[in-house]
Amino acid sequence: MKLLISSLRAHSTDRRGILKNLGFLVSGLIVFKQGLSAMKKSKNDVQLHIYLEVKNGMGTELEKLYKDAYVPAIEVQNGFLRTKLLRQYESRSNYEIDISFNSEKQRASWAISSEHQEAWPKIEAICSKITWQGFDELS
């Protein structure tokens, strides 16, 4: 701490400057601590990996629906953390949607929400096969 204060003094010789710099430091530490706390809370998240095989020539449509319909619908859900759309290397028909929620209860609530009922059938309609697997995030 003494080193920090002497460093601050070297860069700012007036009292107001020192206090201002200390304020920035304290604010930064608070934000950092909140970030660490949020990371710790999300240790036991749940994930659902949804494997999609789209009908011939419908890959671009899936990508558009994901961005324009699915993401806006899931982002407003309680406990939602993140989602990703993946496409297998060199494939135009094999995709994966990964979603993460704080808890399985919140993920299940998303599955019965009106937003899901609106967005999901659009994706289902362009797929020839859909499977999924759920996971508990351990680390």
N, C-alpha and C. Protein backbone atom coordinates (compact mmCIF):
# COMPACT_ATOMS: atom_id res chain seq x y z
N MET A 1 0.83 -1.19 0.00
CA MET A 1 0.00 0.00 0.00
C MET A 1 0.87 1.26 0.00
N LYS A 2 1.98 1.22 0.80
CA LYS A 2 2.89 2.37 0.83
C LYS A 2 3.48 2.63 -0.54
N LEU A 3 3.83 1.54 -1.24
CA LEU A 3 4.38 1.67 -2.57
C LEU A 3 3.36 2.29 -3.52
N LEU A 4 2.12 1.86 -3.39
CA LEU A 4 1.06 2.40 -4.23
C LEU A 4 0.86 3.89 -3.99
N ILE A 5 0.85 4.29 -2.73
CA ILE A 5 0.66 5.70 -2.40
C ILE A 5 1.83 6.53 -2.89
N SER A 6 3.06 6.01 -2.71
CA SER A 6 4.22 6.77 -3.19
C SER A 6 4.20 6.86 -4.71
N SER A 7 3.72 5.82 -5.38
CA SER A 7 3.60 5.86 -6.84
C SER A 7 2.57 6.90 -7.26
N LEU A 8 1.47 6.95 -6.53
CA LEU A 8 0.44 7.94 -6.83
C LEU A 8 0.98 9.35 -6.60
N ARG A 9 1.75 9.53 -5.55
CA ARG A 9 2.32 10.85 -5.25
C ARG A 9 3.28 11.28 -6.35
N ALA A 10 4.03 10.32 -6.88
CA ALA A 10 4.99 10.65 -7.94
C ALA A 10 4.28 11.15 -9.19
N HIS A 11 3.08 10.66 -9.42
CA HIS A 11 2.33 11.05 -10.61
C HIS A 11 1.39 12.22 -10.37
N SER A 12 1.12 12.48 -9.15
CA SER A 12 0.19 13.57 -8.85
C SER A 12 0.61 14.20 -7.53
N THR A 13 1.10 15.42 -7.58
CA THR A 13 1.66 16.05 -6.38
C THR A 13 0.62 16.77 -5.55
N ASP A 14 -0.56 17.02 -6.08
CA ASP A 14 -1.56 17.72 -5.28
C ASP A 14 -2.50 16.72 -4.61
N ARG A 15 -3.04 17.12 -3.50
CA ARG A 15 -3.91 16.26 -2.69
C ARG A 15 -5.14 15.81 -3.49
N ARG A 16 -5.72 16.73 -4.24
CA ARG A 16 -6.91 16.41 -5.03
C ARG A 16 -6.60 15.29 -6.05
N GLY A 17 -5.45 15.38 -6.69
CA GLY A 17 -5.04 14.37 -7.66
C GLY A 17 -4.84 13.01 -7.01
N ILE A 18 -4.23 13.01 -5.83
CA ILE A 18 -4.01 11.75 -5.09
C ILE A 18 -5.35 11.13 -4.74
N LEU A 19 -6.26 11.92 -4.19
CA LEU A 19 -7.57 11.39 -3.82
C LEU A 19 -8.35 10.89 -5.04
N LYS A 20 -8.24 11.60 -6.13
CA LYS A 20 -8.91 11.19 -7.36
C LYS A 20 -8.37 9.84 -7.83
N ASN A 21 -7.05 9.70 -7.82
CA ASN A 21 -6.45 8.42 -8.24
C ASN A 21 -6.82 7.28 -7.30
N LEU A 22 -6.85 7.56 -6.00
CA LEU A 22 -7.28 6.53 -5.05
C LEU A 22 -8.73 6.14 -5.29
N GLY A 23 -9.56 7.10 -5.63
CA GLY A 23 -10.95 6.81 -5.94
C GLY A 23 -11.08 5.89 -7.13
N PHE A 24 -10.29 6.16 -8.17
CA PHE A 24 -10.30 5.27 -9.34
C PHE A 24 -9.84 3.86 -8.96
N LEU A 25 -8.81 3.78 -8.12
CA LEU A 25 -8.30 2.49 -7.69
C LEU A 25 -9.36 1.71 -6.92
N VAL A 26 -10.00 2.35 -5.97
CA VAL A 26 -11.03 1.69 -5.17
C VAL A 26 -12.19 1.25 -6.06
N SER A 27 -12.61 2.11 -6.97
CA SER A 27 -13.69 1.75 -7.89
C SER A 27 -13.31 0.53 -8.72
N GLY A 28 -12.10 0.51 -9.21
CA GLY A 28 -11.62 -0.63 -9.99
C GLY A 28 -11.61 -1.91 -9.19
N LEU A 29 -11.19 -1.83 -7.94
CA LEU A 29 -11.17 -3.02 -7.08
C LEU A 29 -12.58 -3.53 -6.80
N ILE A 30 -13.52 -2.63 -6.62
CA ILE A 30 -14.91 -3.03 -6.39
C ILE A 30 -15.47 -3.75 -7.60
N VAL A 31 -15.26 -3.20 -8.78
CA VAL A 31 -15.74 -3.83 -10.01
C VAL A 31 -15.09 -5.20 -10.18
N PHE A 32 -13.79 -5.30 -9.92
CA PHE A 32 -13.07 -6.57 -10.03
C PHE A 32 -13.66 -7.60 -9.07
N LYS A 33 -13.93 -7.19 -7.82
CA LYS A 33 -14.48 -8.09 -6.82
C LYS A 33 -15.87 -8.57 -7.24
N GLN A 34 -16.70 -7.68 -7.80
CA GLN A 34 -18.03 -8.07 -8.26
C GLN A 34 -17.92 -9.07 -9.40
N GLY A 35 -16.96 -8.88 -10.29
CA GLY A 35 -16.75 -9.82 -11.39
C GLY A 35 -16.36 -11.19 -10.89
N LEU A 36 -15.46 -11.23 -9.92
CA LEU A 36 -15.07 -12.52 -9.34
C LEU A 36 -16.25 -13.20 -8.65
N SER A 37 -17.04 -12.42 -7.95
CA SER A 37 -18.22 -12.95 -7.27
C SER A 37 -19.19 -13.55 -8.27
N ALA A 38 -19.42 -12.88 -9.38
CA ALA A 38 -20.33 -13.38 -10.41
C ALA A 38 -19.80 -14.67 -11.01
N MET A 39 -18.47 -14.76 -11.20
CA MET A 39 -17.88 -15.97 -11.75
C MET A 39 -18.04 -17.13 -10.78
N LYS A 40 -17.90 -16.88 -9.49
CA LYS A 40 -18.06 -17.93 -8.50
C LYS A 40 -19.49 -18.43 -8.46
N LYS A 41 -20.45 -17.52 -8.57
CA LYS A 41 -21.85 -17.90 -8.53
C LYS A 41 -22.25 -18.76 -9.72
N SER A 42 -21.57 -18.61 -10.84
CA SER A 42 -21.95 -19.34 -12.03
C SER A 42 -21.23 -20.69 -12.16
N LYS A 43 -20.55 -21.13 -11.13
CA LYS A 43 -19.81 -22.38 -11.16
C LYS A 43 -20.70 -23.58 -11.46
N ASN A 44 -21.94 -23.59 -11.00
CA ASN A 44 -22.81 -24.75 -11.15
C ASN A 44 -23.90 -24.51 -12.18
N ASP A 45 -23.58 -23.80 -13.23
CA ASP A 45 -24.54 -23.54 -14.29
C ASP A 45 -24.93 -24.85 -14.96
N VAL A 46 -26.01 -24.79 -15.72
CA VAL A 46 -26.41 -25.93 -16.53
C VAL A 46 -26.34 -25.53 -17.99
N GLN A 47 -26.03 -26.51 -18.81
CA GLN A 47 -25.94 -26.28 -20.25
C GLN A 47 -26.80 -27.30 -20.97
N LEU A 48 -27.37 -26.86 -22.08
CA LEU A 48 -28.07 -27.76 -22.97
C LEU A 48 -27.41 -27.61 -24.33
N HIS A 49 -26.98 -28.73 -24.90
CA HIS A 49 -26.38 -28.74 -26.23
C HIS A 49 -27.41 -29.38 -27.16
N ILE A 50 -27.85 -28.62 -28.13
CA ILE A 50 -28.89 -29.06 -29.06
C ILE A 50 -28.23 -29.29 -30.41
N TYR A 51 -28.32 -30.52 -30.91
CA TYR A 51 -27.68 -30.90 -32.16
C TYR A 51 -28.74 -30.88 -33.27
N LEU A 52 -28.47 -30.08 -34.30
CA LEU A 52 -29.45 -29.87 -35.37
C LEU A 52 -28.88 -30.33 -36.70
N GLU A 53 -29.69 -31.07 -37.44
CA GLU A 53 -29.37 -31.37 -38.82
C GLU A 53 -30.43 -30.67 -39.65
N VAL A 54 -30.02 -29.63 -40.38
CA VAL A 54 -30.99 -28.85 -41.15
C VAL A 54 -31.28 -29.52 -42.48
N LYS A 55 -32.46 -29.24 -42.98
CA LYS A 55 -32.84 -29.75 -44.30
C LYS A 55 -31.92 -29.15 -45.34
N ASN A 56 -31.81 -29.84 -46.46
CA ASN A 56 -30.90 -29.45 -47.53
C ASN A 56 -31.08 -27.98 -47.91
N GLY A 57 -29.97 -27.23 -47.86
CA GLY A 57 -29.96 -25.83 -48.26
C GLY A 57 -30.53 -24.84 -47.25
N MET A 58 -30.81 -25.30 -46.02
CA MET A 58 -31.46 -24.43 -45.02
C MET A 58 -30.49 -23.89 -43.97
N GLY A 59 -29.20 -24.09 -44.13
CA GLY A 59 -28.22 -23.62 -43.15
C GLY A 59 -28.25 -22.12 -42.96
N THR A 60 -28.28 -21.38 -44.04
CA THR A 60 -28.32 -19.93 -43.95
C THR A 60 -29.59 -19.46 -43.24
N GLU A 61 -30.70 -20.14 -43.50
CA GLU A 61 -31.96 -19.80 -42.84
C GLU A 61 -31.88 -20.05 -41.33
N LEU A 62 -31.24 -21.16 -40.93
CA LEU A 62 -31.06 -21.43 -39.50
C LEU A 62 -30.24 -20.33 -38.85
N GLU A 63 -29.17 -19.93 -39.49
CA GLU A 63 -28.31 -18.88 -38.94
C GLU A 63 -29.08 -17.58 -38.77
N LYS A 64 -29.94 -17.27 -39.72
CA LYS A 64 -30.75 -16.05 -39.64
C LYS A 64 -31.79 -16.16 -38.52
N LEU A 65 -32.48 -17.30 -38.45
CA LEU A 65 -33.48 -17.50 -37.39
C LEU A 65 -32.85 -17.44 -36.00
N TYR A 66 -31.68 -18.05 -35.87
CA TYR A 66 -30.99 -18.03 -34.58
C TYR A 66 -30.75 -16.59 -34.14
N LYS A 67 -30.21 -15.79 -35.06
CA LYS A 67 -29.87 -14.40 -34.73
C LYS A 67 -31.10 -13.53 -34.53
N ASP A 68 -32.10 -13.67 -35.39
CA ASP A 68 -33.25 -12.76 -35.39
C ASP A 68 -34.41 -13.19 -34.50
N ALA A 69 -34.56 -14.48 -34.24
CA ALA A 69 -35.70 -14.96 -33.45
C ALA A 69 -35.28 -15.63 -32.14
N TYR A 70 -34.34 -16.55 -32.22
CA TYR A 70 -33.98 -17.35 -31.05
C TYR A 70 -33.25 -16.53 -29.98
N VAL A 71 -32.21 -15.82 -30.38
CA VAL A 71 -31.42 -15.06 -29.41
C VAL A 71 -32.26 -14.00 -28.69
N PRO A 72 -33.05 -13.18 -29.41
CA PRO A 72 -33.89 -12.21 -28.68
C PRO A 72 -34.88 -12.87 -27.72
N ALA A 73 -35.36 -14.05 -28.07
CA ALA A 73 -36.32 -14.74 -27.20
C ALA A 73 -35.66 -15.29 -25.94
N ILE A 74 -34.45 -15.81 -26.06
CA ILE A 74 -33.79 -16.43 -24.90
C ILE A 74 -33.13 -15.39 -23.99
N GLU A 75 -32.68 -14.29 -24.57
CA GLU A 75 -31.96 -13.28 -23.78
C GLU A 75 -32.81 -12.67 -22.66
N VAL A 76 -34.11 -12.67 -22.80
CA VAL A 76 -34.98 -12.04 -21.80
C VAL A 76 -35.36 -13.01 -20.68
N GLN A 77 -34.89 -14.24 -20.74
CA GLN A 77 -35.27 -15.25 -19.75
C GLN A 77 -34.51 -15.10 -18.45
N ASN A 78 -35.20 -15.34 -17.36
CA ASN A 78 -34.58 -15.30 -16.03
C ASN A 78 -33.53 -16.42 -15.93
N GLY A 79 -32.34 -16.06 -15.51
CA GLY A 79 -31.27 -17.04 -15.31
C GLY A 79 -30.46 -17.33 -16.56
N PHE A 80 -30.82 -16.74 -17.69
CA PHE A 80 -30.07 -16.96 -18.92
C PHE A 80 -28.66 -16.40 -18.80
N LEU A 81 -27.67 -17.16 -19.26
CA LEU A 81 -26.28 -16.71 -19.20
C LEU A 81 -25.68 -16.48 -20.59
N ARG A 82 -25.81 -17.46 -21.48
CA ARG A 82 -25.21 -17.32 -22.80
C ARG A 82 -25.76 -18.38 -23.74
N THR A 83 -25.56 -18.13 -25.02
CA THR A 83 -25.89 -19.09 -26.06
C THR A 83 -24.89 -18.96 -27.19
N LYS A 84 -24.69 -20.05 -27.92
CA LYS A 84 -23.78 -20.07 -29.06
C LYS A 84 -24.40 -20.91 -30.15
N LEU A 85 -24.16 -20.51 -31.38
CA LEU A 85 -24.52 -21.33 -32.53
C LEU A 85 -23.21 -21.79 -33.16
N LEU A 86 -23.09 -23.09 -33.33
CA LEU A 86 -21.88 -23.68 -33.91
C LEU A 86 -22.26 -24.47 -35.16
N ARG A 87 -21.34 -24.52 -36.11
CA ARG A 87 -21.52 -25.37 -37.29
C ARG A 87 -20.31 -26.28 -37.38
N GLN A 88 -20.54 -27.56 -37.64
CA GLN A 88 -19.43 -28.49 -37.77
C GLN A 88 -18.54 -28.08 -38.93
N TYR A 89 -17.24 -28.33 -38.76
CA TYR A 89 -16.29 -28.03 -39.84
C TYR A 89 -16.77 -28.61 -41.16
N GLU A 90 -16.65 -27.82 -42.19
CA GLU A 90 -16.92 -28.23 -43.56
C GLU A 90 -18.30 -28.85 -43.76
N SER A 91 -19.25 -28.47 -42.93
CA SER A 91 -20.61 -28.97 -43.06
C SER A 91 -21.54 -27.80 -43.33
N ARG A 92 -22.57 -28.05 -44.09
CA ARG A 92 -23.60 -27.05 -44.34
C ARG A 92 -24.92 -27.47 -43.72
N SER A 93 -24.91 -28.62 -43.01
CA SER A 93 -26.18 -29.09 -42.46
C SER A 93 -26.14 -29.47 -40.98
N ASN A 94 -24.96 -29.58 -40.38
CA ASN A 94 -24.86 -30.00 -38.98
C ASN A 94 -24.47 -28.83 -38.09
N TYR A 95 -25.39 -28.48 -37.20
CA TYR A 95 -25.22 -27.34 -36.32
C TYR A 95 -25.42 -27.77 -34.87
N GLU A 96 -25.04 -26.86 -33.98
CA GLU A 96 -25.26 -27.06 -32.55
C GLU A 96 -25.61 -25.71 -31.93
N ILE A 97 -26.64 -25.72 -31.11
CA ILE A 97 -26.97 -24.55 -30.29
C ILE A 97 -26.66 -24.94 -28.85
N ASP A 98 -25.82 -24.16 -28.20
CA ASP A 98 -25.50 -24.37 -26.79
C ASP A 98 -26.12 -23.23 -25.99
N ILE A 99 -26.81 -23.59 -24.92
CA ILE A 99 -27.39 -22.58 -24.04
C ILE A 99 -26.95 -22.86 -22.61
N SER A 100 -26.82 -21.80 -21.82
CA SER A 100 -26.43 -21.93 -20.42
C SER A 100 -27.37 -21.09 -19.56
N PHE A 101 -27.79 -21.68 -18.46
CA PHE A 101 -28.64 -21.02 -17.48
C PHE A 101 -28.04 -21.22 -16.09
N ASN A 102 -28.46 -20.38 -15.16
CA ASN A 102 -28.00 -20.51 -13.78
C ASN A 102 -28.44 -21.82 -13.15
N SER A 103 -29.63 -22.32 -13.53
CA SER A 103 -30.14 -23.55 -12.92
C SER A 103 -31.00 -24.31 -13.93
N GLU A 104 -31.20 -25.58 -13.66
CA GLU A 104 -32.06 -26.41 -14.50
C GLU A 104 -33.50 -25.93 -14.44
N LYS A 105 -33.92 -25.47 -13.29
CA LYS A 105 -35.28 -24.94 -13.15
C LYS A 105 -35.50 -23.75 -14.09
N GLN A 106 -34.52 -22.86 -14.17
CA GLN A 106 -34.64 -21.70 -15.06
C GLN A 106 -34.58 -22.13 -16.53
N ARG A 107 -33.76 -23.13 -16.84
CA ARG A 107 -33.71 -23.62 -18.22
C ARG A 107 -35.04 -24.25 -18.61
N ALA A 108 -35.63 -25.00 -17.68
CA ALA A 108 -36.93 -25.64 -17.95
C ALA A 108 -38.02 -24.58 -18.12
N SER A 109 -37.94 -23.50 -17.37
CA SER A 109 -38.91 -22.41 -17.52
C SER A 109 -38.82 -21.78 -18.90
N TRP A 110 -37.61 -21.67 -19.41
CA TRP A 110 -37.42 -21.15 -20.77
C TRP A 110 -38.13 -22.07 -21.78
N ALA A 111 -38.03 -23.37 -21.58
CA ALA A 111 -38.60 -24.33 -22.53
C ALA A 111 -40.12 -24.23 -22.63
N ILE A 112 -40.77 -23.73 -21.59
CA ILE A 112 -42.24 -23.60 -21.62
C ILE A 112 -42.71 -22.15 -21.75
N SER A 113 -41.75 -21.25 -21.94
CA SER A 113 -42.10 -19.83 -22.03
C SER A 113 -42.78 -19.52 -23.36
N SER A 114 -43.53 -18.44 -23.39
CA SER A 114 -44.20 -18.01 -24.63
C SER A 114 -43.17 -17.63 -25.69
N GLU A 115 -42.03 -17.07 -25.28
CA GLU A 115 -40.97 -16.71 -26.23
C GLU A 115 -40.41 -17.96 -26.92
N HIS A 116 -40.22 -19.02 -26.15
CA HIS A 116 -39.72 -20.27 -26.72
C HIS A 116 -40.77 -20.86 -27.67
N GLN A 117 -42.03 -20.82 -27.26
CA GLN A 117 -43.11 -21.36 -28.09
C GLN A 117 -43.22 -20.61 -29.42
N GLU A 118 -42.79 -19.37 -29.43
CA GLU A 118 -42.81 -18.57 -30.67
C GLU A 118 -41.57 -18.85 -31.52
N ALA A 119 -40.39 -18.93 -30.92
CA ALA A 119 -39.15 -19.04 -31.68
C ALA A 119 -38.80 -20.47 -32.10
N TRP A 120 -38.99 -21.44 -31.21
CA TRP A 120 -38.50 -22.79 -31.47
C TRP A 120 -39.17 -23.48 -32.67
N PRO A 121 -40.48 -23.39 -32.87
CA PRO A 121 -41.09 -24.05 -34.02
C PRO A 121 -40.51 -23.59 -35.36
N LYS A 122 -40.06 -22.37 -35.44
CA LYS A 122 -39.43 -21.86 -36.67
C LYS A 122 -38.14 -22.62 -36.96
N ILE A 123 -37.39 -22.92 -35.91
CA ILE A 123 -36.15 -23.68 -36.07
C ILE A 123 -36.47 -25.14 -36.37
N GLU A 124 -37.41 -25.70 -35.64
CA GLU A 124 -37.81 -27.09 -35.86
C GLU A 124 -38.24 -27.34 -37.30
N ALA A 125 -38.93 -26.38 -37.89
CA ALA A 125 -39.49 -26.53 -39.23
C ALA A 125 -38.43 -26.72 -40.31
N ILE A 126 -37.22 -26.24 -40.07
CA ILE A 126 -36.18 -26.35 -41.10
C ILE A 126 -35.17 -27.45 -40.79
N CYS A 127 -35.44 -28.25 -39.76
CA CYS A 127 -34.53 -29.32 -39.37
C CYS A 127 -35.11 -30.69 -39.72
N SER A 128 -34.22 -31.60 -40.11
CA SER A 128 -34.63 -32.98 -40.37
C SER A 128 -34.38 -33.86 -39.14
N LYS A 129 -33.50 -33.41 -38.25
CA LYS A 129 -33.20 -34.18 -37.04
C LYS A 129 -32.74 -33.24 -35.94
N ILE A 130 -33.24 -33.46 -34.72
CA ILE A 130 -32.83 -32.67 -33.56
C ILE A 130 -32.63 -33.62 -32.39
N THR A 131 -31.48 -33.54 -31.76
CA THR A 131 -31.21 -34.28 -30.52
C THR A 131 -30.58 -33.30 -29.53
N TRP A 132 -30.50 -33.68 -28.28
CA TRP A 132 -29.91 -32.79 -27.29
C TRP A 132 -29.31 -33.59 -26.15
N GLN A 133 -28.47 -32.90 -25.40
CA GLN A 133 -27.83 -33.47 -24.22
C GLN A 133 -27.66 -32.35 -23.20
N GLY A 134 -28.04 -32.62 -21.95
CA GLY A 134 -27.88 -31.66 -20.87
C GLY A 134 -26.62 -31.93 -20.07
N PHE A 135 -26.05 -30.85 -19.51
CA PHE A 135 -24.82 -30.97 -18.73
C PHE A 135 -24.88 -30.07 -17.51
N ASP A 136 -24.27 -30.51 -16.43
CA ASP A 136 -23.98 -29.65 -15.29
C ASP A 136 -22.55 -29.17 -15.48
N GLU A 137 -22.35 -27.86 -15.37
CA GLU A 137 -21.01 -27.31 -15.51
C GLU A 137 -20.25 -27.50 -14.20
N LEU A 138 -19.13 -28.19 -14.26
CA LEU A 138 -18.37 -28.50 -13.05
C LEU A 138 -17.20 -27.55 -12.82
N SER A 139 -16.61 -27.07 -13.87
CA SER A 139 -15.50 -26.12 -13.70
C SER A 139 -15.31 -25.33 -14.97
